[in-house]
Amino acid sequence: MSRFFIDSNSELWFTRADELGVDVIGMPYTLDEDDEIAYDLGRNTDFDAFFNRIKKGASAKTQALNTQNYLDYFEPVLAGGEDIIYIHFSSKMSGTFKQMNQAIEILKEKYPERKILTADTLQISLGEALFVYDCAKMWKAGVPDEEIIDYVEKNRNHYAVNFIVDDLGHLKRGGRLSSASCLFGTMLNIKPILKVNENGEIVKASVSKGLKKGIKDLVALIKENGQELDKHPLIVAHASAEEYANELKQGILAEFPNAEVWLQNIGPTVGSHCGPGTFGVAYFTKSR
């Protein structure tokens, strides 16, 4: 028997995580050097307060977990006689996985009879949420852990996220976007549509002239690349940009009236890097 772990960088809403019975590794952040907080998938998060403070100049930073943090999450499960499967966010976006691997090596020596399986979605935020949601449903239905790992490795490029960031400076400061891309995006109100590519990195997918045009272009990307939209939900999320997110949701439903579209907030750990005004969509696709 195993326990299924996800991390809160997946942005899978807490009610869905609860329904699936998964364990959540809370990824931490600080705001103006305040006490470190682990994101709780929206359970008790004051999104307005967080993004309003950023708008007023507060500095938000994410923190990597250390080896002991991972030991604290994993060891009680193994000591209780259960195995672990952990489907996580892109290893290209954090140094935390070096610490995770150190913890796993320690635990494998201590509990050689137990299994610890991990798989990299090469995604984050909404794209990861959709991915881990499908995997967790498989786990809950009794699919063997090894088959779930195989599914992740074979289907990474079928989970896409496209998003628009109002101020690219947040991504630049967090090291998620190059200076050249940031400069290009601030010229003439051009809004790059960004994506997480097949290597798990944030890159430009296309460009739009303004946010309103960007909404139409996001829907067009889904129309061009989406597949099996009747079998997989689409996730629309925003960081203090509810108006644009609602317009995006309605635009999707106008094109795909039978689609299941979730609407939710972007959390502080991902929001620390993308900043307020961000909105986007995750969906099942032909390729990223």
C-alpha atoms as a PDB file:
ATOM      1  CA  MET A   1       0.000   0.000   0.000  1.00  0.00           C
ATOM      2  CA  SER A   2       1.240   3.498  -0.789  1.00  0.00           C
ATOM      3  CA  ARG A   3       0.599   7.134  -0.005  1.00  0.00           C
ATOM      4  CA  PHE A   4       0.365   9.617  -2.871  1.00  0.00           C
ATOM      5  CA  PHE A   5       2.256  12.897  -2.459  1.00  0.00           C
ATOM      6  CA  ILE A   6       1.944  16.118  -4.411  1.00  0.00           C
ATOM      7  CA  ASP A   7       3.405  19.555  -3.673  1.00  0.00           C
ATOM      8  CA  SER A   8       1.544  22.823  -3.320  1.00  0.00           C
ATOM      9  CA  ASN A   9       3.330  24.249  -6.369  1.00  0.00           C
ATOM     10  CA  SER A  10       0.838  22.130  -8.272  1.00  0.00           C
ATOM     11  CA  GLU A  11      -1.909  24.603  -7.244  1.00  0.00           C
ATOM     12  CA  LEU A  12      -4.386  21.698  -7.125  1.00  0.00           C
ATOM     13  CA  TRP A  13      -7.229  23.218  -5.115  1.00  0.00           C
ATOM     14  CA  PHE A  14      -7.422  21.887  -1.543  1.00  0.00           C
ATOM     15  CA  THR A  15     -10.944  20.477  -1.907  1.00  0.00           C
ATOM     16  CA  ARG A  16      -9.819  18.296  -4.808  1.00  0.00           C
ATOM     17  CA  ALA A  17      -6.715  17.179  -2.916  1.00  0.00           C
ATOM     18  CA  ASP A  18      -8.966  16.268   0.017  1.00  0.00           C
ATOM     19  CA  GLU A  19     -11.360  14.325  -2.216  1.00  0.00           C
ATOM     20  CA  LEU A  20      -8.491  12.308  -3.646  1.00  0.00           C
ATOM     21  CA  GLY A  21      -6.888  11.659  -0.254  1.00  0.00           C
ATOM     22  CA  VAL A  22      -3.400  12.811  -1.262  1.00  0.00           C
ATOM     23  CA  ASP A  23      -0.613  14.098   0.985  1.00  0.00           C
ATOM     24  CA  VAL A  24       0.575  17.632   0.247  1.00  0.00           C
ATOM     25  CA  ILE A  25       4.115  18.951   0.624  1.00  0.00           C
ATOM     26  CA  GLY A  26       3.697  22.638   1.386  1.00  0.00           C
ATOM     27  CA  MET A  27       6.157  24.793  -0.528  1.00  0.00           C
ATOM     28  CA  PRO A  28       7.152  27.816   1.589  1.00  0.00           C
ATOM     29  CA  TYR A  29       7.322  31.542   0.907  1.00  0.00           C
ATOM     30  CA  THR A  30       8.022  34.763   2.785  1.00  0.00           C
ATOM     31  CA  LEU A  31       6.632  38.258   2.322  1.00  0.00           C
ATOM     32  CA  ASP A  32       8.942  41.126   3.308  1.00  0.00           C
ATOM     33  CA  GLU A  33      10.987  38.682   5.374  1.00  0.00           C
ATOM     34  CA  ASP A  34       7.957  37.783   7.519  1.00  0.00           C
ATOM     35  CA  ASP A  35       7.724  34.310   8.992  1.00  0.00           C
ATOM     36  CA  GLU A  36       7.965  31.514   6.467  1.00  0.00           C
ATOM     37  CA  ILE A  37       4.579  30.139   5.397  1.00  0.00           C
ATOM     38  CA  ALA A  38       3.829  26.902   3.540  1.00  0.00           C
ATOM     39  CA  TYR A  39       1.129  27.314   0.896  1.00  0.00           C
ATOM     40  CA  ASP A  40      -1.967  25.279   1.808  1.00  0.00           C
ATOM     41  CA  LEU A  41      -3.639  25.042  -1.638  1.00  0.00           C
ATOM     42  CA  GLY A  42      -6.083  27.793  -0.724  1.00  0.00           C
ATOM     43  CA  ARG A  43      -7.493  26.292   2.458  1.00  0.00           C
ATOM     44  CA  ASN A  44      -6.781  29.345   4.637  1.00  0.00           C
ATOM     45  CA  THR A  45      -5.043  31.683   2.191  1.00  0.00           C
ATOM     46  CA  ASP A  46      -5.954  35.380   1.961  1.00  0.00           C
ATOM     47  CA  PHE A  47      -5.143  35.903  -1.709  1.00  0.00           C
ATOM     48  CA  ASP A  48      -6.282  39.533  -1.818  1.00  0.00           C
ATOM     49  CA  ALA A  49      -4.103  40.489   1.129  1.00  0.00           C
ATOM     50  CA  PHE A  50      -1.050  38.779  -0.381  1.00  0.00           C
ATOM     51  CA  PHE A  51      -1.292  40.357  -3.834  1.00  0.00           C
ATOM     52  CA  ASN A  52      -2.328  43.757  -2.483  1.00  0.00           C
ATOM     53  CA  ARG A  53       0.861  43.851  -0.439  1.00  0.00           C
ATOM     54  CA  ILE A  54       2.897  43.017  -3.547  1.00  0.00           C
ATOM     55  CA  LYS A  55       1.141  45.815  -5.447  1.00  0.00           C
ATOM     56  CA  LYS A  56       2.261  48.172  -2.674  1.00  0.00           C
ATOM     57  CA  GLY A  57       5.876  47.065  -3.054  1.00  0.00           C
ATOM     58  CA  ALA A  58       6.254  44.112  -0.707  1.00  0.00           C
ATOM     59  CA  SER A  59       8.912  41.565  -1.658  1.00  0.00           C
ATOM     60  CA  ALA A  60       7.764  37.933  -1.909  1.00  0.00           C
ATOM     61  CA  LYS A  61      10.296  35.110  -2.019  1.00  0.00           C
ATOM     62  CA  THR A  62      10.006  31.361  -2.223  1.00  0.00           C
ATOM     63  CA  GLN A  63      12.135  29.048  -0.123  1.00  0.00           C
ATOM     64  CA  ALA A  64      13.577  25.646  -0.959  1.00  0.00           C
ATOM     65  CA  LEU A  65      12.898  22.773   1.410  1.00  0.00           C
ATOM     66  CA  ASN A  66      15.906  21.233   3.120  1.00  0.00           C
ATOM     67  CA  THR A  67      16.749  17.573   3.611  1.00  0.00           C
ATOM     68  CA  GLN A  68      15.184  17.454   7.073  1.00  0.00           C
ATOM     69  CA  ASN A  69      11.914  18.860   5.726  1.00  0.00           C
ATOM     70  CA  TYR A  70      11.631  15.944   3.303  1.00  0.00           C
ATOM     71  CA  LEU A  71      12.545  13.471   6.029  1.00  0.00           C
ATOM     72  CA  ASP A  72       9.755  14.914   8.163  1.00  0.00           C
ATOM     73  CA  TYR A  73       7.222  14.397   5.378  1.00  0.00           C
ATOM     74  CA  PHE A  74       8.331  10.949   4.245  1.00  0.00           C
ATOM     75  CA  GLU A  75       9.716   9.037   7.232  1.00  0.00           C
ATOM     76  CA  PRO A  76       6.460   8.672   9.222  1.00  0.00           C
ATOM     77  CA  VAL A  77       4.848   7.038   6.164  1.00  0.00           C
ATOM     78  CA  LEU A  78       7.667   4.549   5.701  1.00  0.00           C
ATOM     79  CA  ALA A  79       7.880   3.833   9.424  1.00  0.00           C
ATOM     80  CA  GLY A  80       4.164   3.057   9.320  1.00  0.00           C
ATOM     81  CA  GLY A  81       4.728   0.354   6.734  1.00  0.00           C
ATOM     82  CA  GLU A  82       3.544   2.205   3.623  1.00  0.00           C
ATOM     83  CA  ASP A  83       5.309   3.093   0.364  1.00  0.00           C
ATOM     84  CA  ILE A  84       5.493   6.547  -1.238  1.00  0.00           C
ATOM     85  CA  ILE A  85       4.752   7.850  -4.713  1.00  0.00           C
ATOM     86  CA  TYR A  86       5.464  11.541  -5.250  1.00  0.00           C
ATOM     87  CA  ILE A  87       4.604  13.381  -8.494  1.00  0.00           C
ATOM     88  CA  HIS A  88       6.338  16.752  -8.315  1.00  0.00           C
ATOM     89  CA  PHE A  89       6.851  20.083 -10.028  1.00  0.00           C
ATOM     90  CA  SER A  90       9.571  20.797 -12.569  1.00  0.00           C
ATOM     91  CA  SER A  91      13.076  20.042 -11.343  1.00  0.00           C
ATOM     92  CA  LYS A  92      14.307  22.797 -13.695  1.00  0.00           C
ATOM     93  CA  MET A  93      12.699  25.432 -11.454  1.00  0.00           C
ATOM     94  CA  SER A  94      14.229  24.742  -8.051  1.00  0.00           C
ATOM     95  CA  GLY A  95      17.280  23.431  -6.264  1.00  0.00           C
ATOM     96  CA  THR A  96      15.071  21.725  -3.694  1.00  0.00           C
ATOM     97  CA  PHE A  97      15.300  18.376  -5.467  1.00  0.00           C
ATOM     98  CA  LYS A  98      18.942  17.940  -4.502  1.00  0.00           C
ATOM     99  CA  GLN A  99      17.763  18.018  -0.889  1.00  0.00           C
ATOM    100  CA  MET A 100      14.879  15.674  -1.680  1.00  0.00           C
ATOM    101  CA  ASN A 101      17.204  13.124  -3.266  1.00  0.00           C
ATOM    102  CA  GLN A 102      19.496  13.256  -0.245  1.00  0.00           C
ATOM    103  CA  ALA A 103      16.527  12.534   2.014  1.00  0.00           C
ATOM    104  CA  ILE A 104      15.406   9.652  -0.178  1.00  0.00           C
ATOM    105  CA  GLU A 105      18.868   8.057  -0.087  1.00  0.00           C
ATOM    106  CA  ILE A 106      18.865   8.260   3.709  1.00  0.00           C
ATOM    107  CA  LEU A 107      15.412   6.700   3.890  1.00  0.00           C
ATOM    108  CA  LYS A 108      16.191   3.918   1.426  1.00  0.00           C
ATOM    109  CA  GLU A 109      19.078   2.808   3.641  1.00  0.00           C
ATOM    110  CA  LYS A 110      16.929   2.974   6.747  1.00  0.00           C
ATOM    111  CA  TYR A 111      13.836   1.319   5.211  1.00  0.00           C
ATOM    112  CA  PRO A 112      15.166  -0.999   2.453  1.00  0.00           C
ATOM    113  CA  GLU A 113      11.908  -2.948   2.351  1.00  0.00           C
ATOM    114  CA  ARG A 114       9.881   0.145   1.388  1.00  0.00           C
ATOM    115  CA  LYS A 115       9.492   1.862  -2.017  1.00  0.00           C
ATOM    116  CA  ILE A 116       9.879   5.563  -2.733  1.00  0.00           C
ATOM    117  CA  LEU A 117       8.917   6.397  -6.314  1.00  0.00           C
ATOM    118  CA  THR A 118       9.096   9.911  -7.750  1.00  0.00           C
ATOM    119  CA  ALA A 119       8.299  11.403 -11.137  1.00  0.00           C
ATOM    120  CA  ASP A 120       8.930  14.862 -12.564  1.00  0.00           C
ATOM    121  CA  THR A 121       5.953  16.443 -14.355  1.00  0.00           C
ATOM    122  CA  LEU A 122       8.266  19.103 -15.843  1.00  0.00           C
ATOM    123  CA  GLN A 123       5.346  21.404 -15.075  1.00  0.00           C
ATOM    124  CA  ILE A 124       4.239  23.835 -12.381  1.00  0.00           C
ATOM    125  CA  SER A 125       1.046  25.548 -11.278  1.00  0.00           C
ATOM    126  CA  LEU A 126      -2.027  24.749 -13.399  1.00  0.00           C
ATOM    127  CA  GLY A 127      -0.209  22.419 -15.766  1.00  0.00           C
ATOM    128  CA  GLU A 128       1.022  20.410 -12.817  1.00  0.00           C
ATOM    129  CA  ALA A 129      -2.428  20.515 -11.162  1.00  0.00           C
ATOM    130  CA  LEU A 130      -4.104  18.883 -14.136  1.00  0.00           C
ATOM    131  CA  PHE A 131      -1.336  16.286 -14.357  1.00  0.00           C
ATOM    132  CA  VAL A 132      -1.313  15.266 -10.686  1.00  0.00           C
ATOM    133  CA  TYR A 133      -5.121  15.250 -10.641  1.00  0.00           C
ATOM    134  CA  ASP A 134      -5.204  12.592 -13.350  1.00  0.00           C
ATOM    135  CA  CYS A 135      -2.421  10.612 -11.661  1.00  0.00           C
ATOM    136  CA  ALA A 136      -4.077  10.778  -8.247  1.00  0.00           C
ATOM    137  CA  LYS A 137      -7.337   9.491  -9.718  1.00  0.00           C
ATOM    138  CA  MET A 138      -5.407   6.535 -11.104  1.00  0.00           C
ATOM    139  CA  TRP A 139      -3.835   5.909  -7.690  1.00  0.00           C
ATOM    140  CA  LYS A 140      -7.199   6.152  -5.938  1.00  0.00           C
ATOM    141  CA  ALA A 141      -8.624   3.645  -8.444  1.00  0.00           C
ATOM    142  CA  GLY A 142      -5.913   1.154  -7.510  1.00  0.00           C
ATOM    143  CA  VAL A 143      -3.544   1.508 -10.466  1.00  0.00           C
ATOM    144  CA  PRO A 144      -0.066   0.246  -9.428  1.00  0.00           C
ATOM    145  CA  ASP A 145       2.450   2.954  -8.567  1.00  0.00           C
ATOM    146  CA  GLU A 146       4.868   1.804 -11.271  1.00  0.00           C
ATOM    147  CA  GLU A 147       2.164   2.227 -13.928  1.00  0.00           C
ATOM    148  CA  ILE A 148       1.490   5.768 -12.716  1.00  0.00           C
ATOM    149  CA  ILE A 149       5.190   6.617 -12.964  1.00  0.00           C
ATOM    150  CA  ASP A 150       5.186   5.181 -16.482  1.00  0.00           C
ATOM    151  CA  TYR A 151       2.140   7.305 -17.346  1.00  0.00           C
ATOM    152  CA  VAL A 152       3.935  10.463 -16.186  1.00  0.00           C
ATOM    153  CA  GLU A 153       7.018   9.685 -18.248  1.00  0.00           C
ATOM    154  CA  LYS A 154       5.001   8.934 -21.380  1.00  0.00           C
ATOM    155  CA  ASN A 155       2.481  11.776 -21.150  1.00  0.00           C
ATOM    156  CA  ARG A 156       4.427  14.825 -19.968  1.00  0.00           C
ATOM    157  CA  ASN A 157       3.958  16.667 -23.240  1.00  0.00           C
ATOM    158  CA  HIS A 158       0.173  16.262 -23.175  1.00  0.00           C
ATOM    159  CA  TYR A 159      -0.280  18.669 -20.267  1.00  0.00           C
ATOM    160  CA  ALA A 160       0.007  22.311 -21.251  1.00  0.00           C
ATOM    161  CA  VAL A 161      -0.269  25.626 -19.479  1.00  0.00           C
ATOM    162  CA  ASN A 162      -0.430  28.976 -21.276  1.00  0.00           C
ATOM    163  CA  PHE A 163      -0.488  32.204 -19.296  1.00  0.00           C
ATOM    164  CA  ILE A 164      -0.088  35.954 -19.502  1.00  0.00           C
ATOM    165  CA  VAL A 165       1.839  37.975 -16.924  1.00  0.00           C
ATOM    166  CA  ASP A 166       0.967  41.636 -16.494  1.00  0.00           C
ATOM    167  CA  ASP A 167       4.458  42.592 -15.263  1.00  0.00           C
ATOM    168  CA  LEU A 168       7.273  40.405 -16.572  1.00  0.00           C
ATOM    169  CA  GLY A 169       9.642  41.972 -14.058  1.00  0.00           C
ATOM    170  CA  HIS A 170       8.430  39.514 -11.420  1.00  0.00           C
ATOM    171  CA  LEU A 171       9.549  36.543 -13.509  1.00  0.00           C
ATOM    172  CA  LYS A 172      12.853  38.236 -14.328  1.00  0.00           C
ATOM    173  CA  ARG A 173      13.617  38.974 -10.662  1.00  0.00           C
ATOM    174  CA  GLY A 174      12.835  35.373  -9.758  1.00  0.00           C
ATOM    175  CA  GLY A 175      15.168  34.056 -12.462  1.00  0.00           C
ATOM    176  CA  ARG A 176      12.304  32.506 -14.428  1.00  0.00           C
ATOM    177  CA  LEU A 177      12.679  34.726 -17.518  1.00  0.00           C
ATOM    178  CA  SER A 178      15.624  36.304 -19.330  1.00  0.00           C
ATOM    179  CA  SER A 179      16.254  40.071 -19.352  1.00  0.00           C
ATOM    180  CA  ALA A 180      15.842  40.150 -23.135  1.00  0.00           C
ATOM    181  CA  SER A 181      12.425  38.525 -22.970  1.00  0.00           C
ATOM    182  CA  CYS A 182      11.400  40.894 -20.218  1.00  0.00           C
ATOM    183  CA  LEU A 183      12.450  43.980 -22.187  1.00  0.00           C
ATOM    184  CA  PHE A 184      10.642  42.746 -25.306  1.00  0.00           C
ATOM    185  CA  GLY A 185       7.454  42.184 -23.359  1.00  0.00           C
ATOM    186  CA  THR A 186       7.306  45.698 -21.904  1.00  0.00           C
ATOM    187  CA  MET A 187       7.511  47.426 -25.286  1.00  0.00           C
ATOM    188  CA  LEU A 188       4.361  48.769 -26.951  1.00  0.00           C
ATOM    189  CA  ASN A 189       2.004  46.949 -24.555  1.00  0.00           C
ATOM    190  CA  ILE A 190       3.007  43.623 -26.087  1.00  0.00           C
ATOM    191  CA  LYS A 191       1.949  40.761 -23.841  1.00  0.00           C
ATOM    192  CA  PRO A 192       3.845  37.520 -24.414  1.00  0.00           C
ATOM    193  CA  ILE A 193       1.834  34.360 -23.931  1.00  0.00           C
ATOM    194  CA  LEU A 194       4.127  32.129 -21.921  1.00  0.00           C
ATOM    195  CA  LYS A 195       4.219  28.381 -21.491  1.00  0.00           C
ATOM    196  CA  VAL A 196       6.185  25.689 -19.714  1.00  0.00           C
ATOM    197  CA  ASN A 197       8.008  23.816 -22.473  1.00  0.00           C
ATOM    198  CA  GLU A 198       8.867  20.132 -22.788  1.00  0.00           C
ATOM    199  CA  ASN A 199      12.060  20.741 -20.773  1.00  0.00           C
ATOM    200  CA  GLY A 200      10.150  22.197 -17.834  1.00  0.00           C
ATOM    201  CA  GLU A 201      11.208  25.803 -18.488  1.00  0.00           C
ATOM    202  CA  ILE A 202       9.143  28.973 -18.960  1.00  0.00           C
ATOM    203  CA  VAL A 203       9.392  30.258 -22.534  1.00  0.00           C
ATOM    204  CA  LYS A 204       7.409  32.468 -24.908  1.00  0.00           C
ATOM    205  CA  ALA A 205       4.670  30.689 -26.884  1.00  0.00           C
ATOM    206  CA  SER A 206       3.381  33.719 -28.852  1.00  0.00           C
ATOM    207  CA  VAL A 207       2.635  37.413 -28.384  1.00  0.00           C
ATOM    208  CA  SER A 208      -0.541  39.480 -28.083  1.00  0.00           C
ATOM    209  CA  LYS A 209      -1.245  43.200 -28.293  1.00  0.00           C
ATOM    210  CA  GLY A 210      -2.758  43.842 -24.884  1.00  0.00           C
ATOM    211  CA  LEU A 211      -4.584  41.725 -22.360  1.00  0.00           C
ATOM    212  CA  LYS A 212      -7.983  41.644 -24.074  1.00  0.00           C
ATOM    213  CA  LYS A 213      -6.428  40.317 -27.275  1.00  0.00           C
ATOM    214  CA  GLY A 214      -4.452  37.900 -25.140  1.00  0.00           C
ATOM    215  CA  ILE A 215      -7.656  36.275 -23.897  1.00  0.00           C
ATOM    216  CA  LYS A 216      -8.748  35.554 -27.467  1.00  0.00           C
ATOM    217  CA  ASP A 217      -5.301  34.247 -28.326  1.00  0.00           C
ATOM    218  CA  LEU A 218      -5.317  31.876 -25.345  1.00  0.00           C
ATOM    219  CA  VAL A 219      -8.625  30.421 -26.527  1.00  0.00           C
ATOM    220  CA  ALA A 220      -7.182  30.121 -30.035  1.00  0.00           C
ATOM    221  CA  LEU A 221      -4.233  28.133 -28.695  1.00  0.00           C
ATOM    222  CA  ILE A 222      -6.609  25.708 -26.991  1.00  0.00           C
ATOM    223  CA  LYS A 223      -8.621  25.402 -30.204  1.00  0.00           C
ATOM    224  CA  GLU A 224      -5.448  24.699 -32.189  1.00  0.00           C
ATOM    225  CA  ASN A 225      -3.657  22.357 -29.789  1.00  0.00           C
ATOM    226  CA  GLY A 226      -6.179  20.984 -27.311  1.00  0.00           C
ATOM    227  CA  GLN A 227      -7.402  17.409 -27.433  1.00  0.00           C
ATOM    228  CA  GLU A 228      -9.648  15.137 -25.363  1.00  0.00           C
ATOM    229  CA  LEU A 229     -11.182  18.227 -23.787  1.00  0.00           C
ATOM    230  CA  ASP A 230     -14.293  16.194 -23.061  1.00  0.00           C
ATOM    231  CA  LYS A 231     -12.236  13.789 -20.924  1.00  0.00           C
ATOM    232  CA  HIS A 232     -10.063  16.248 -19.009  1.00  0.00           C
ATOM    233  CA  PRO A 233     -11.073  19.445 -17.194  1.00  0.00           C
ATOM    234  CA  LEU A 234      -9.508  22.782 -18.078  1.00  0.00           C
ATOM    235  CA  ILE A 235      -8.196  24.956 -15.254  1.00  0.00           C
ATOM    236  CA  VAL A 236      -8.344  28.746 -15.436  1.00  0.00           C
ATOM    237  CA  ALA A 237      -6.553  30.581 -12.639  1.00  0.00           C
ATOM    238  CA  HIS A 238      -5.526  34.112 -11.829  1.00  0.00           C
ATOM    239  CA  ALA A 239      -3.448  36.229  -9.470  1.00  0.00           C
ATOM    240  CA  SER A 240      -5.648  39.203  -8.593  1.00  0.00           C
ATOM    241  CA  ALA A 241      -7.028  39.234 -12.159  1.00  0.00           C
ATOM    242  CA  GLU A 242     -10.480  37.747 -11.694  1.00  0.00           C
ATOM    243  CA  GLU A 243     -12.100  39.835 -14.442  1.00  0.00           C
ATOM    244  CA  TYR A 244      -9.708  38.541 -17.104  1.00  0.00           C
ATOM    245  CA  ALA A 245      -9.937  34.986 -15.779  1.00  0.00           C
ATOM    246  CA  ASN A 246     -13.739  35.070 -16.000  1.00  0.00           C
ATOM    247  CA  GLU A 247     -13.543  36.404 -19.558  1.00  0.00           C
ATOM    248  CA  LEU A 248     -11.141  33.601 -20.423  1.00  0.00           C
ATOM    249  CA  LYS A 249     -13.455  30.996 -18.895  1.00  0.00           C
ATOM    250  CA  GLN A 250     -16.435  32.334 -20.849  1.00  0.00           C
ATOM    251  CA  GLY A 251     -14.366  32.416 -24.045  1.00  0.00           C
ATOM    252  CA  ILE A 252     -13.440  28.767 -23.553  1.00  0.00           C
ATOM    253  CA  LEU A 253     -17.038  27.732 -22.886  1.00  0.00           C
ATOM    254  CA  ALA A 254     -18.207  29.621 -25.977  1.00  0.00           C
ATOM    255  CA  GLU A 255     -15.886  27.457 -28.094  1.00  0.00           C
ATOM    256  CA  PHE A 256     -16.253  24.265 -26.036  1.00  0.00           C
ATOM    257  CA  PRO A 257     -19.707  24.347 -24.402  1.00  0.00           C
ATOM    258  CA  ASN A 258     -19.378  20.826 -23.014  1.00  0.00           C
ATOM    259  CA  ALA A 259     -16.015  21.446 -21.363  1.00  0.00           C
ATOM    260  CA  GLU A 260     -15.553  21.292 -17.605  1.00  0.00           C
ATOM    261  CA  VAL A 261     -13.729  24.482 -16.625  1.00  0.00           C
ATOM    262  CA  TRP A 262     -12.449  25.097 -13.104  1.00  0.00           C
ATOM    263  CA  LEU A 263     -11.797  28.669 -11.959  1.00  0.00           C
ATOM    264  CA  GLN A 264      -9.472  29.361  -9.041  1.00  0.00           C
ATOM    265  CA  ASN A 265      -6.757  31.565  -7.583  1.00  0.00           C
ATOM    266  CA  ILE A 266      -3.034  31.302  -8.132  1.00  0.00           C
ATOM    267  CA  GLY A 267      -1.275  30.796  -4.806  1.00  0.00           C
ATOM    268  CA  PRO A 268       1.515  32.774  -3.148  1.00  0.00           C
ATOM    269  CA  THR A 269       4.424  30.455  -4.016  1.00  0.00           C
ATOM    270  CA  VAL A 270       3.771  30.609  -7.752  1.00  0.00           C
ATOM    271  CA  GLY A 271       2.365  34.132  -7.369  1.00  0.00           C
ATOM    272  CA  SER A 272       5.676  35.257  -5.866  1.00  0.00           C
ATOM    273  CA  HIS A 273       7.256  34.718  -9.275  1.00  0.00           C
ATOM    274  CA  CYS A 274       4.467  35.726 -11.667  1.00  0.00           C
ATOM    275  CA  GLY A 275       3.026  38.643  -9.666  1.00  0.00           C
ATOM    276  CA  PRO A 276      -0.464  40.161  -9.626  1.00  0.00           C
ATOM    277  CA  GLY A 277      -2.318  40.468 -12.921  1.00  0.00           C
ATOM    278  CA  THR A 278      -1.351  36.993 -14.124  1.00  0.00           C
ATOM    279  CA  PHE A 279      -3.968  34.669 -15.580  1.00  0.00           C
ATOM    280  CA  GLY A 280      -3.841  31.500 -17.665  1.00  0.00           C
ATOM    281  CA  VAL A 281      -5.228  28.098 -18.500  1.00  0.00           C
ATOM    282  CA  ALA A 282      -4.129  24.462 -18.339  1.00  0.00           C
ATOM    283  CA  TYR A 283      -5.518  21.802 -20.659  1.00  0.00           C
ATOM    284  CA  PHE A 284      -4.813  18.430 -22.236  1.00  0.00           C
ATOM    285  CA  THR A 285      -3.010  18.943 -25.532  1.00  0.00           C
ATOM    286  CA  LYS A 286      -1.441  17.294 -28.559  1.00  0.00           C
ATOM    287  CA  SER A 287       1.930  18.602 -27.392  1.00  0.00           C
ATOM    288  CA  ARG A 288       3.275  21.465 -25.339  1.00  0.00           C
END
